[in-house]
Amino acid sequence: MHDCSEFEGIAIGVLGECFTSDESKTKSLLVRCIPSYGHTTLLQLAVEADNKEFVGHQACQNLLNTSGGARWMNWKLEISG
């Protein structure tokens, strides 16, 4: 059985590779709803899992630091909470 921190590390590594390759597509991936996970997003999953390193990644911070990103995240948290 794998420790969850191993998967968190893999997720952060993949996020970094995506961000280096294409920042715009990475932003889209972070906010895309995933039907098999209750129509939540990667960013919301990371927040709910308290994965501070993932949420603290530059890709997530760039998204959250935009007015649209911050409003979107607040809205998603309000409807799920």
C-alpha atoms as a PDB file:
ATOM      1  CA  MET A   1       0.000   0.000   0.000  1.00  0.00           C
ATOM      2  CA  HIS A   2       1.280   3.441  -0.906  1.00  0.00           C
ATOM      3  CA  ASP A   3       1.486   6.364   1.440  1.00  0.00           C
ATOM      4  CA  CYS A   4      -0.667   9.330   0.365  1.00  0.00           C
ATOM      5  CA  SER A   5       2.395  11.588   0.486  1.00  0.00           C
ATOM      6  CA  GLU A   6       3.873   9.547  -2.374  1.00  0.00           C
ATOM      7  CA  PHE A   7       0.848  10.322  -4.556  1.00  0.00           C
ATOM      8  CA  GLU A   8       0.906  13.961  -3.491  1.00  0.00           C
ATOM      9  CA  GLY A   9       4.520  14.117  -4.623  1.00  0.00           C
ATOM     10  CA  ILE A  10       3.644  12.571  -7.973  1.00  0.00           C
ATOM     11  CA  ALA A  11       0.781  15.061  -8.434  1.00  0.00           C
ATOM     12  CA  ILE A  12       3.094  17.983  -7.697  1.00  0.00           C
ATOM     13  CA  GLY A  13       5.659  16.623 -10.140  1.00  0.00           C
ATOM     14  CA  VAL A  14       3.073  16.264 -12.893  1.00  0.00           C
ATOM     15  CA  LEU A  15       1.744  19.747 -12.153  1.00  0.00           C
ATOM     16  CA  GLY A  16       5.258  21.129 -12.465  1.00  0.00           C
ATOM     17  CA  GLU A  17       5.841  19.394 -15.789  1.00  0.00           C
ATOM     18  CA  CYS A  18       2.521  20.652 -17.153  1.00  0.00           C
ATOM     19  CA  PHE A  19       3.198  24.181 -15.939  1.00  0.00           C
ATOM     20  CA  THR A  20       6.649  24.210 -17.546  1.00  0.00           C
ATOM     21  CA  SER A  21       5.229  22.891 -20.805  1.00  0.00           C
ATOM     22  CA  ASP A  22       2.111  25.081 -21.134  1.00  0.00           C
ATOM     23  CA  GLU A  23       0.873  27.467 -18.435  1.00  0.00           C
ATOM     24  CA  SER A  24      -2.450  28.124 -20.153  1.00  0.00           C
ATOM     25  CA  LYS A  25      -3.342  24.442 -20.494  1.00  0.00           C
ATOM     26  CA  THR A  26      -2.289  23.858 -16.896  1.00  0.00           C
ATOM     27  CA  LYS A  27      -4.728  26.530 -15.737  1.00  0.00           C
ATOM     28  CA  SER A  28      -7.483  24.835 -17.727  1.00  0.00           C
ATOM     29  CA  LEU A  29      -6.622  21.463 -16.202  1.00  0.00           C
ATOM     30  CA  LEU A  30      -6.758  22.868 -12.677  1.00  0.00           C
ATOM     31  CA  VAL A  31     -10.313  24.194 -13.092  1.00  0.00           C
ATOM     32  CA  ARG A  32     -11.782  21.472 -15.316  1.00  0.00           C
ATOM     33  CA  CYS A  33     -14.639  19.598 -13.632  1.00  0.00           C
ATOM     34  CA  ILE A  34     -14.031  15.875 -13.219  1.00  0.00           C
ATOM     35  CA  PRO A  35     -17.342  13.957 -13.395  1.00  0.00           C
ATOM     36  CA  SER A  36     -15.945  10.801 -11.778  1.00  0.00           C
ATOM     37  CA  TYR A  37     -15.000  12.865  -8.702  1.00  0.00           C
ATOM     38  CA  GLY A  38     -18.360  14.520  -8.173  1.00  0.00           C
ATOM     39  CA  HIS A  39     -17.783  17.294 -10.733  1.00  0.00           C
ATOM     40  CA  THR A  40     -15.007  18.763  -8.635  1.00  0.00           C
ATOM     41  CA  THR A  41     -11.697  20.108  -9.953  1.00  0.00           C
ATOM     42  CA  LEU A  42      -8.066  19.239  -9.360  1.00  0.00           C
ATOM     43  CA  LEU A  43      -7.571  22.460  -7.463  1.00  0.00           C
ATOM     44  CA  GLN A  44     -10.595  21.837  -5.277  1.00  0.00           C
ATOM     45  CA  LEU A  45      -9.441  18.266  -4.564  1.00  0.00           C
ATOM     46  CA  ALA A  46      -6.061  19.614  -3.461  1.00  0.00           C
ATOM     47  CA  VAL A  47      -7.721  22.178  -1.192  1.00  0.00           C
ATOM     48  CA  GLU A  48     -10.041  19.582   0.329  1.00  0.00           C
ATOM     49  CA  ALA A  49      -7.077  17.227   0.884  1.00  0.00           C
ATOM     50  CA  ASP A  50      -5.169  20.075   2.565  1.00  0.00           C
ATOM     51  CA  ASN A  51      -2.316  19.591   0.097  1.00  0.00           C
ATOM     52  CA  LYS A  52      -0.587  22.876   0.814  1.00  0.00           C
ATOM     53  CA  GLU A  53       2.397  22.113  -1.402  1.00  0.00           C
ATOM     54  CA  PHE A  54       0.153  21.502  -4.449  1.00  0.00           C
ATOM     55  CA  VAL A  55      -1.985  24.591  -3.783  1.00  0.00           C
ATOM     56  CA  GLY A  56       1.176  26.578  -3.112  1.00  0.00           C
ATOM     57  CA  HIS A  57       2.638  25.655  -6.513  1.00  0.00           C
ATOM     58  CA  GLN A  58       3.118  28.618  -8.839  1.00  0.00           C
ATOM     59  CA  ALA A  59       0.476  27.262 -11.245  1.00  0.00           C
ATOM     60  CA  CYS A  60      -2.205  27.297  -8.547  1.00  0.00           C
ATOM     61  CA  GLN A  61      -1.057  30.603  -7.113  1.00  0.00           C
ATOM     62  CA  ASN A  62      -1.145  32.253 -10.537  1.00  0.00           C
ATOM     63  CA  LEU A  63      -4.723  31.090 -10.944  1.00  0.00           C
ATOM     64  CA  LEU A  64      -5.799  32.138  -7.459  1.00  0.00           C
ATOM     65  CA  ASN A  65      -4.099  35.518  -7.722  1.00  0.00           C
ATOM     66  CA  THR A  66      -6.284  36.524 -10.648  1.00  0.00           C
ATOM     67  CA  SER A  67      -9.584  38.105  -9.710  1.00  0.00           C
ATOM     68  CA  GLY A  68     -11.447  35.507 -11.750  1.00  0.00           C
ATOM     69  CA  GLY A  69      -9.537  32.659 -10.134  1.00  0.00           C
ATOM     70  CA  ALA A  70     -10.182  33.882  -6.614  1.00  0.00           C
ATOM     71  CA  ARG A  71     -13.897  34.418  -7.306  1.00  0.00           C
ATOM     72  CA  TRP A  72     -14.145  31.005  -8.942  1.00  0.00           C
ATOM     73  CA  MET A  73     -12.457  29.277  -5.998  1.00  0.00           C
ATOM     74  CA  ASN A  74     -14.667  31.044  -3.448  1.00  0.00           C
ATOM     75  CA  TRP A  75     -17.760  30.056  -5.413  1.00  0.00           C
ATOM     76  CA  LYS A  76     -16.675  26.397  -5.685  1.00  0.00           C
ATOM     77  CA  LEU A  77     -15.915  26.221  -1.964  1.00  0.00           C
ATOM     78  CA  GLU A  78     -19.246  27.824  -1.056  1.00  0.00           C
ATOM     79  CA  ILE A  79     -21.328  25.375  -3.066  1.00  0.00           C
ATOM     80  CA  SER A  80     -19.383  22.355  -1.818  1.00  0.00           C
ATOM     81  CA  GLY A  81     -19.190  23.432   1.819  1.00  0.00           C
END
